[in-house]
PDB file of N, CA and C in Angstrom:
ATOM      1  N   MET A   1     334.528 194.109 127.007  1.00  0.00           N
ATOM      2  CA  MET A   1     335.158 194.567 128.196  1.00  0.00           C
ATOM      3  C   MET A   1     335.511 193.265 129.069  1.00  0.00           C
ATOM      4  N   ASN A   2     336.475 193.430 129.863  1.00  0.00           N
ATOM      5  CA  ASN A   2     336.869 192.324 130.763  1.00  0.00           C
ATOM      6  C   ASN A   2     335.992 192.398 131.927  1.00  0.00           C
ATOM      7  N   GLU A   3     336.165 191.576 132.859  1.00  0.00           N
ATOM      8  CA  GLU A   3     335.435 191.491 134.139  1.00  0.00           C
ATOM      9  C   GLU A   3     335.692 192.705 135.008  1.00  0.00           C
ATOM     10  N   THR A   4     334.653 193.281 135.578  1.00  0.00           N
ATOM     11  CA  THR A   4     334.836 194.411 136.455  1.00  0.00           C
ATOM     12  C   THR A   4     335.683 194.064 137.629  1.00  0.00           C
ATOM     13  N   GLN A   5     336.683 194.842 137.877  1.00  0.00           N
ATOM     14  CA  GLN A   5     337.686 194.618 138.948  1.00  0.00           C
ATOM     15  C   GLN A   5     337.540 195.564 140.136  1.00  0.00           C
ATOM     16  N   LEU A   6     338.008 195.134 141.307  1.00  0.00           N
ATOM     17  CA  LEU A   6     337.927 195.985 142.518  1.00  0.00           C
ATOM     18  C   LEU A   6     339.147 196.940 142.392  1.00  0.00           C
ATOM     19  N   SER A   7     338.839 198.247 142.682  1.00  0.00           N
ATOM     20  CA  SER A   7     339.898 199.304 142.660  1.00  0.00           C
ATOM     21  C   SER A   7     340.059 199.831 144.096  1.00  0.00           C
ATOM     22  N   SER A   8     339.043 199.724 144.919  1.00  0.00           N
ATOM     23  CA  SER A   8     339.198 200.198 146.366  1.00  0.00           C
ATOM     24  C   SER A   8     338.130 199.628 147.221  1.00  0.00           C
ATOM     25  N   PHE A   9     338.396 199.650 148.430  1.00  0.00           N
ATOM     26  CA  PHE A   9     337.364 198.982 149.363  1.00  0.00           C
ATOM     27  C   PHE A   9     337.650 199.646 150.752  1.00  0.00           C
ATOM     28  N   ASN A  10     336.517 200.230 151.241  1.00  0.00           N
ATOM     29  CA  ASN A  10     336.701 200.811 152.608  1.00  0.00           C
ATOM     30  C   ASN A  10     335.415 200.717 153.372  1.00  0.00           C
ATOM     31  N   TYR A  11     335.615 200.382 154.704  1.00  0.00           N
ATOM     32  CA  TYR A  11     334.539 200.374 155.662  1.00  0.00           C
ATOM     33  C   TYR A  11     334.458 201.695 156.358  1.00  0.00           C
ATOM     34  N   GLN A  12     333.177 202.197 156.551  1.00  0.00           N
ATOM     35  CA  GLN A  12     332.978 203.480 157.335  1.00  0.00           C
ATOM     36  C   GLN A  12     332.275 203.081 158.641  1.00  0.00           C
ATOM     37  N   PHE A  13     332.938 203.405 159.742  1.00  0.00           N
ATOM     38  CA  PHE A  13     332.501 203.085 161.038  1.00  0.00           C
ATOM     39  C   PHE A  13     331.916 204.396 161.833  1.00  0.00           C
ATOM     40  N   ASP A  14     330.979 204.115 162.633  1.00  0.00           N
ATOM     41  CA  ASP A  14     330.447 205.219 163.520  1.00  0.00           C
ATOM     42  C   ASP A  14     331.482 205.181 164.623  1.00  0.00           C
ATOM     43  N   THR A  15     332.032 206.388 164.896  1.00  0.00           N
ATOM     44  CA  THR A  15     333.199 206.514 165.839  1.00  0.00           C
ATOM     45  C   THR A  15     332.672 206.422 167.378  1.00  0.00           C
ATOM     46  N   ASN A  16     331.359 206.601 167.510  1.00  0.00           N
ATOM     47  CA  ASN A  16     330.796 206.499 168.845  1.00  0.00           C
ATOM     48  C   ASN A  16     330.369 205.102 169.227  1.00  0.00           C
ATOM     49  N   THR A  17     329.854 204.289 168.320  1.00  0.00           N
ATOM     50  CA  THR A  17     329.336 202.932 168.625  1.00  0.00           C
ATOM     51  C   THR A  17     330.249 201.877 168.067  1.00  0.00           C
ATOM     52  N   GLY A  18     331.100 202.242 167.132  1.00  0.00           N
ATOM     53  CA  GLY A  18     332.013 201.168 166.549  1.00  0.00           C
ATOM     54  C   GLY A  18     331.192 200.317 165.447  1.00  0.00           C
ATOM     55  N   LYS A  19     330.039 200.628 165.203  1.00  0.00           N
ATOM     56  CA  LYS A  19     329.255 199.888 164.307  1.00  0.00           C
ATOM     57  C   LYS A  19     329.570 200.344 162.839  1.00  0.00           C
ATOM     58  N   CYS A  20     329.577 199.347 162.008  1.00  0.00           N
ATOM     59  CA  CYS A  20     329.937 199.617 160.525  1.00  0.00           C
ATOM     60  C   CYS A  20     328.768 200.224 159.940  1.00  0.00           C
ATOM     61  N   LEU A  21     328.886 201.428 159.355  1.00  0.00           N
ATOM     62  CA  LEU A  21     327.736 202.081 158.691  1.00  0.00           C
ATOM     63  C   LEU A  21     327.549 201.640 157.287  1.00  0.00           C
ATOM     64  N   TYR A  22     328.616 201.516 156.518  1.00  0.00           N
ATOM     65  CA  TYR A  22     328.585 201.054 155.103  1.00  0.00           C
ATOM     66  C   TYR A  22     329.945 200.764 154.593  1.00  0.00           C
ATOM     67  N   ALA A  23     329.907 200.033 153.453  1.00  0.00           N
ATOM     68  CA  ALA A  23     331.237 199.819 152.774  1.00  0.00           C
ATOM     69  C   ALA A  23     331.237 200.563 151.431  1.00  0.00           C
ATOM     70  N   GLN A  24     332.333 201.244 151.146  1.00  0.00           N
ATOM     71  CA  GLN A  24     332.412 201.920 149.953  1.00  0.00           C
ATOM     72  C   GLN A  24     333.321 201.125 149.000  1.00  0.00           C
ATOM     73  N   VAL A  25     332.756 200.668 147.878  1.00  0.00           N
ATOM     74  CA  VAL A  25     333.413 199.701 146.936  1.00  0.00           C
ATOM     75  C   VAL A  25     333.681 200.440 145.612  1.00  0.00           C
ATOM     76  N   GLY A  26     335.014 200.489 145.231  1.00  0.00           N
ATOM     77  CA  GLY A  26     335.416 201.161 143.933  1.00  0.00           C
ATOM     78  C   GLY A  26     335.541 200.030 142.899  1.00  0.00           C
ATOM     79  N   LEU A  27     334.907 200.126 141.799  1.00  0.00           N
ATOM     80  CA  LEU A  27     335.047 199.198 140.724  1.00  0.00           C
ATOM     81  C   LEU A  27     335.516 199.854 139.444  1.00  0.00           C
ATOM     82  N   HIS A  28     336.269 199.029 138.634  1.00  0.00           N
ATOM     83  CA  HIS A  28     336.859 199.565 137.438  1.00  0.00           C
ATOM     84  C   HIS A  28     336.820 198.470 136.346  1.00  0.00           C
ATOM     85  N   ASN A  29     336.572 198.883 135.141  1.00  0.00           N
ATOM     86  CA  ASN A  29     336.665 198.008 134.060  1.00  0.00           C
ATOM     87  C   ASN A  29     336.996 198.753 132.792  1.00  0.00           C
ATOM     88  N   GLU A  30     337.904 198.257 131.965  1.00  0.00           N
ATOM     89  CA  GLU A  30     338.133 198.994 130.710  1.00  0.00           C
ATOM     90  C   GLU A  30     338.373 197.962 129.614  1.00  0.00           C
ATOM     91  N   SER A  31     338.138 198.436 128.377  1.00  0.00           N
ATOM     92  CA  SER A  31     338.211 197.599 127.157  1.00  0.00           C
ATOM     93  C   SER A  31     339.721 197.734 126.734  1.00  0.00           C
ATOM     94  N   ALA A  32     340.316 196.603 126.439  1.00  0.00           N
ATOM     95  CA  ALA A  32     341.713 196.647 126.038  1.00  0.00           C
ATOM     96  C   ALA A  32     341.927 197.325 124.652  1.00  0.00           C
ATOM     97  N   ASP A  33     340.956 197.143 123.864  1.00  0.00           N
ATOM     98  CA  ASP A  33     341.130 197.693 122.499  1.00  0.00           C
ATOM     99  C   ASP A  33     340.409 199.058 122.151  1.00  0.00           C
ATOM    100  N   SER A  34     340.021 199.781 123.227  1.00  0.00           N
ATOM    101  CA  SER A  34     339.396 201.074 122.880  1.00  0.00           C
ATOM    102  C   SER A  34     339.580 201.961 124.125  1.00  0.00           C
ATOM    103  N   THR A  35     339.057 203.138 124.176  1.00  0.00           N
ATOM    104  CA  THR A  35     339.104 204.061 125.248  1.00  0.00           C
ATOM    105  C   THR A  35     337.778 203.903 126.203  1.00  0.00           C
ATOM    106  N   GLU A  36     337.025 202.912 126.048  1.00  0.00           N
ATOM    107  CA  GLU A  36     335.839 202.691 126.805  1.00  0.00           C
ATOM    108  C   GLU A  36     336.216 202.203 128.230  1.00  0.00           C
ATOM    109  N   PHE A  37     335.603 202.862 129.224  1.00  0.00           N
ATOM    110  CA  PHE A  37     336.000 202.347 130.579  1.00  0.00           C
ATOM    111  C   PHE A  37     334.808 202.596 131.560  1.00  0.00           C
ATOM    112  N   ILE A  38     334.816 201.953 132.664  1.00  0.00           N
ATOM    113  CA  ILE A  38     333.851 202.151 133.718  1.00  0.00           C
ATOM    114  C   ILE A  38     334.605 202.392 135.083  1.00  0.00           C
ATOM    115  N   ASN A  39     334.311 203.484 135.725  1.00  0.00           N
ATOM    116  CA  ASN A  39     334.784 203.752 137.107  1.00  0.00           C
ATOM    117  C   ASN A  39     333.613 204.007 137.961  1.00  0.00           C
ATOM    118  N   ALA A  40     333.382 203.287 139.049  1.00  0.00           N
ATOM    119  CA  ALA A  40     332.168 203.378 139.857  1.00  0.00           C
ATOM    120  C   ALA A  40     332.533 203.319 141.264  1.00  0.00           C
ATOM    121  N   SER A  41     331.908 204.030 142.094  1.00  0.00           N
ATOM    122  CA  SER A  41     332.050 203.999 143.497  1.00  0.00           C
ATOM    123  C   SER A  41     330.626 203.650 144.094  1.00  0.00           C
ATOM    124  N   ILE A  42     330.447 202.526 144.632  1.00  0.00           N
ATOM    125  CA  ILE A  42     329.186 201.995 145.045  1.00  0.00           C
ATOM    126  C   ILE A  42     329.154 201.877 146.576  1.00  0.00           C
ATOM    127  N   ARG A  43     328.153 202.430 147.270  1.00  0.00           N
ATOM    128  CA  ARG A  43     328.053 202.297 148.688  1.00  0.00           C
ATOM    129  C   ARG A  43     327.120 201.239 148.973  1.00  0.00           C
ATOM    130  N   VAL A  44     327.639 200.280 149.734  1.00  0.00           N
ATOM    131  CA  VAL A  44     326.929 199.023 150.206  1.00  0.00           C
ATOM    132  C   VAL A  44     326.357 199.438 151.522  1.00  0.00           C
ATOM    133  N   LYS A  45     325.033 199.473 151.704  1.00  0.00           N
ATOM    134  CA  LYS A  45     324.490 199.962 153.031  1.00  0.00           C
ATOM    135  C   LYS A  45     323.804 198.750 153.684  1.00  0.00           C
ATOM    136  N   PRO A  46     323.526 198.828 154.942  1.00  0.00           N
ATOM    137  CA  PRO A  46     322.917 197.690 155.697  1.00  0.00           C
ATOM    138  C   PRO A  46     321.695 197.149 154.986  1.00  0.00           C
ATOM    139  N   ASP A  47     320.918 197.924 154.379  1.00  0.00           N
ATOM    140  CA  ASP A  47     319.714 197.545 153.676  1.00  0.00           C
ATOM    141  C   ASP A  47     320.055 196.617 152.491  1.00  0.00           C
ATOM    142  N   ASP A  48     321.254 196.708 151.997  1.00  0.00           N
ATOM    143  CA  ASP A  48     321.720 195.951 150.825  1.00  0.00           C
ATOM    144  C   ASP A  48     322.182 194.568 151.259  1.00  0.00           C
ATOM    145  N   LEU A  49     322.300 194.272 152.472  1.00  0.00           N
ATOM    146  CA  LEU A  49     322.871 192.985 152.942  1.00  0.00           C
ATOM    147  C   LEU A  49     321.774 191.911 153.058  1.00  0.00           C
ATOM    148  N   PRO A  50     322.148 190.701 153.012  1.00  0.00           N
ATOM    149  CA  PRO A  50     321.160 189.599 153.145  1.00  0.00           C
ATOM    150  C   PRO A  50     320.464 189.802 154.554  1.00  0.00           C
ATOM    151  N   GLU A  51     319.264 189.414 154.581  1.00  0.00           N
ATOM    152  CA  GLU A  51     318.471 189.572 155.948  1.00  0.00           C
ATOM    153  C   GLU A  51     319.240 188.780 157.050  1.00  0.00           C
ATOM    154  N   GLY A  52     319.333 189.437 158.172  1.00  0.00           N
ATOM    155  CA  GLY A  52     319.967 188.843 159.381  1.00  0.00           C
ATOM    156  C   GLY A  52     321.504 188.893 159.331  1.00  0.00           C
ATOM    157  N   LYS A  53     322.030 189.532 158.308  1.00  0.00           N
ATOM    158  CA  LYS A  53     323.597 189.583 158.256  1.00  0.00           C
ATOM    159  C   LYS A  53     324.017 191.051 158.460  1.00  0.00           C
ATOM    160  N   ASP A  54     325.239 191.111 159.109  1.00  0.00           N
ATOM    161  CA  ASP A  54     325.893 192.445 159.174  1.00  0.00           C
ATOM    162  C   ASP A  54     327.266 192.462 158.427  1.00  0.00           C
ATOM    163  N   PHE A  55     327.896 193.538 158.350  1.00  0.00           N
ATOM    164  CA  PHE A  55     329.119 193.692 157.597  1.00  0.00           C
ATOM    165  C   PHE A  55     330.255 192.770 158.029  1.00  0.00           C
ATOM    166  N   MET A  56     330.241 192.497 159.417  1.00  0.00           N
ATOM    167  CA  MET A  56     331.330 191.653 159.917  1.00  0.00           C
ATOM    168  C   MET A  56     331.027 190.155 159.692  1.00  0.00           C
ATOM    169  N   GLN A  57     329.831 189.805 159.316  1.00  0.00           N
ATOM    170  CA  GLN A  57     329.518 188.407 159.007  1.00  0.00           C
ATOM    171  C   GLN A  57     329.799 188.082 157.608  1.00  0.00           C
ATOM    172  N   LEU A  58     329.985 189.056 156.746  1.00  0.00           N
ATOM    173  CA  LEU A  58     330.109 188.804 155.305  1.00  0.00           C
ATOM    174  C   LEU A  58     331.633 188.912 154.908  1.00  0.00           C
ATOM    175  N   ALA A  59     332.014 188.113 154.001  1.00  0.00           N
ATOM    176  CA  ALA A  59     333.350 188.172 153.483  1.00  0.00           C
ATOM    177  C   ALA A  59     333.456 189.474 152.541  1.00  0.00           C
ATOM    178  N   MET A  60     334.605 189.942 152.309  1.00  0.00           N
ATOM    179  CA  MET A  60     334.783 191.158 151.387  1.00  0.00           C
ATOM    180  C   MET A  60     334.261 190.718 149.958  1.00  0.00           C
ATOM    181  N   SER A  61     334.554 189.497 149.605  1.00  0.00           N
ATOM    182  CA  SER A  61     334.067 189.080 148.329  1.00  0.00           C
ATOM    183  C   SER A  61     332.563 189.121 148.170  1.00  0.00           C
ATOM    184  N   ASP A  62     331.847 188.817 149.244  1.00  0.00           N
ATOM    185  CA  ASP A  62     330.435 188.932 149.247  1.00  0.00           C
ATOM    186  C   ASP A  62     329.960 190.343 149.005  1.00  0.00           C
ATOM    187  N   LEU A  63     330.610 191.345 149.712  1.00  0.00           N
ATOM    188  CA  LEU A  63     330.339 192.702 149.617  1.00  0.00           C
ATOM    189  C   LEU A  63     330.662 193.301 148.157  1.00  0.00           C
ATOM    190  N   ILE A  64     331.665 192.723 147.625  1.00  0.00           N
ATOM    191  CA  ILE A  64     332.026 193.138 146.181  1.00  0.00           C
ATOM    192  C   ILE A  64     330.926 192.642 145.234  1.00  0.00           C
ATOM    193  N   THR A  65     330.479 191.497 145.433  1.00  0.00           N
ATOM    194  CA  THR A  65     329.396 190.920 144.539  1.00  0.00           C
ATOM    195  C   THR A  65     328.130 191.700 144.756  1.00  0.00           C
ATOM    196  N   ILE A  66     327.740 192.174 145.918  1.00  0.00           N
ATOM    197  CA  ILE A  66     326.603 192.950 146.152  1.00  0.00           C
ATOM    198  C   ILE A  66     326.858 194.389 145.420  1.00  0.00           C
ATOM    199  N   ALA A  67     328.016 194.977 145.451  1.00  0.00           N
ATOM    200  CA  ALA A  67     328.328 196.169 144.804  1.00  0.00           C
ATOM    201  C   ALA A  67     328.195 195.994 143.296  1.00  0.00           C
ATOM    202  N   LYS A  68     328.709 194.936 142.805  1.00  0.00           N
ATOM    203  CA  LYS A  68     328.564 194.737 141.272  1.00  0.00           C
ATOM    204  C   LYS A  68     327.110 194.573 140.865  1.00  0.00           C
ATOM    205  N   LYS A  69     326.323 193.965 141.665  1.00  0.00           N
ATOM    206  CA  LYS A  69     324.879 193.772 141.312  1.00  0.00           C
ATOM    207  C   LYS A  69     324.185 195.191 141.412  1.00  0.00           C
ATOM    208  N   LYS A  70     324.619 195.990 142.476  1.00  0.00           N
ATOM    209  CA  LYS A  70     324.029 197.349 142.499  1.00  0.00           C
ATOM    210  C   LYS A  70     324.397 198.164 141.313  1.00  0.00           C
ATOM    211  N   LEU A  71     325.693 198.057 140.903  1.00  0.00           N
ATOM    212  CA  LEU A  71     326.151 198.787 139.709  1.00  0.00           C
ATOM    213  C   LEU A  71     325.298 198.357 138.511  1.00  0.00           C
ATOM    214  N   ALA A  72     325.091 197.054 138.306  1.00  0.00           N
ATOM    215  CA  ALA A  72     324.379 196.609 137.133  1.00  0.00           C
ATOM    216  C   ALA A  72     322.945 197.189 137.233  1.00  0.00           C
ATOM    217  N   ALA A  73     322.298 197.136 138.349  1.00  0.00           N
ATOM    218  CA  ALA A  73     320.929 197.573 138.482  1.00  0.00           C
ATOM    219  C   ALA A  73     320.872 199.073 138.278  1.00  0.00           C
ATOM    220  N   ASP A  74     321.816 199.845 138.838  1.00  0.00           N
ATOM    221  CA  ASP A  74     321.850 201.288 138.594  1.00  0.00           C
ATOM    222  C   ASP A  74     322.041 201.771 137.204  1.00  0.00           C
ATOM    223  N   THR A  75     322.788 200.999 136.390  1.00  0.00           N
ATOM    224  CA  THR A  75     323.102 201.347 134.996  1.00  0.00           C
ATOM    225  C   THR A  75     322.227 200.671 134.036  1.00  0.00           C
ATOM    226  N   ALA A  76     321.343 199.784 134.424  1.00  0.00           N
ATOM    227  CA  ALA A  76     320.435 199.037 133.448  1.00  0.00           C
ATOM    228  C   ALA A  76     319.439 200.034 132.804  1.00  0.00           C
ATOM    229  N   VAL A  77     319.207 199.790 131.508  1.00  0.00           N
ATOM    230  CA  VAL A  77     318.273 200.607 130.803  1.00  0.00           C
ATOM    231  C   VAL A  77     316.907 200.301 131.409  1.00  0.00           C
ATOM    232  N   LYS A  78     316.130 201.336 131.805  1.00  0.00           N
ATOM    233  CA  LYS A  78     314.791 201.087 132.354  1.00  0.00           C
ATOM    234  C   LYS A  78     313.748 201.484 131.312  1.00  0.00           C
ATOM    235  N   GLU A  79     312.697 200.716 131.260  1.00  0.00           N
ATOM    236  CA  GLU A  79     311.686 201.008 130.331  1.00  0.00           C
ATOM    237  C   GLU A  79     310.856 202.196 130.915  1.00  0.00           C
ATOM    238  N   GLU A  80     310.636 203.177 130.129  1.00  0.00           N
ATOM    239  CA  GLU A  80     309.776 204.211 130.570  1.00  0.00           C
ATOM    240  C   GLU A  80     308.351 204.004 130.151  1.00  0.00           C
ATOM    241  N   ALA A  81     307.519 204.477 131.110  1.00  0.00           N
ATOM    242  CA  ALA A  81     306.070 204.314 130.836  1.00  0.00           C
ATOM    243  C   ALA A  81     305.658 205.191 129.642  1.00  0.00           C
ATOM    244  N   PRO A  82     304.817 204.708 128.785  1.00  0.00           N
ATOM    245  CA  PRO A  82     304.399 205.439 127.656  1.00  0.00           C
ATOM    246  C   PRO A  82     303.701 206.719 128.008  1.00  0.00           C
ATOM    247  N   THR A  83     303.934 207.812 127.369  1.00  0.00           N
ATOM    248  CA  THR A  83     303.288 209.090 127.704  1.00  0.00           C
ATOM    249  C   THR A  83     302.173 209.383 126.641  1.00  0.00           C
ATOM    250  N   THR A  84     301.201 209.983 127.092  1.00  0.00           N
ATOM    251  CA  THR A  84     300.121 210.410 126.182  1.00  0.00           C
ATOM    252  C   THR A  84     300.211 211.938 126.029  1.00  0.00           C
ATOM    253  N   ASP A  85     300.245 212.359 124.784  1.00  0.00           N
ATOM    254  CA  ASP A  85     300.244 213.759 124.500  1.00  0.00           C
ATOM    255  C   ASP A  85     298.863 214.371 124.574  1.00  0.00           C
ATOM    256  N   LYS A  86     298.740 215.366 125.424  1.00  0.00           N
ATOM    257  CA  LYS A  86     297.426 216.009 125.565  1.00  0.00           C
ATOM    258  C   LYS A  86     297.632 217.423 124.958  1.00  0.00           C
ATOM    259  N   GLN A  87     296.935 217.719 123.904  1.00  0.00           N
ATOM    260  CA  GLN A  87     296.970 218.993 123.167  1.00  0.00           C
ATOM    261  C   GLN A  87     295.862 219.763 123.249  1.00  0.00           C
TER     262      GLN A  87
END
């Protein structure tokens, strides 16, 4: 697959305070030689930002990088704890 690309980017603001609540980042990737593809919509929340930073202090490219890292973490194969069968 090629590098994952940006397909959409939106900020969501609180209409009362004007504060940015989150950024919604759309990511897309597809293999040129098959029908395999990835479409993801990742919500970057304040907790995902570097400590002491807010949305207006980060470049859009920084938020896209955070979203890509979240996508990788969300889709990574996780080791399951071994189970013991009690019969």
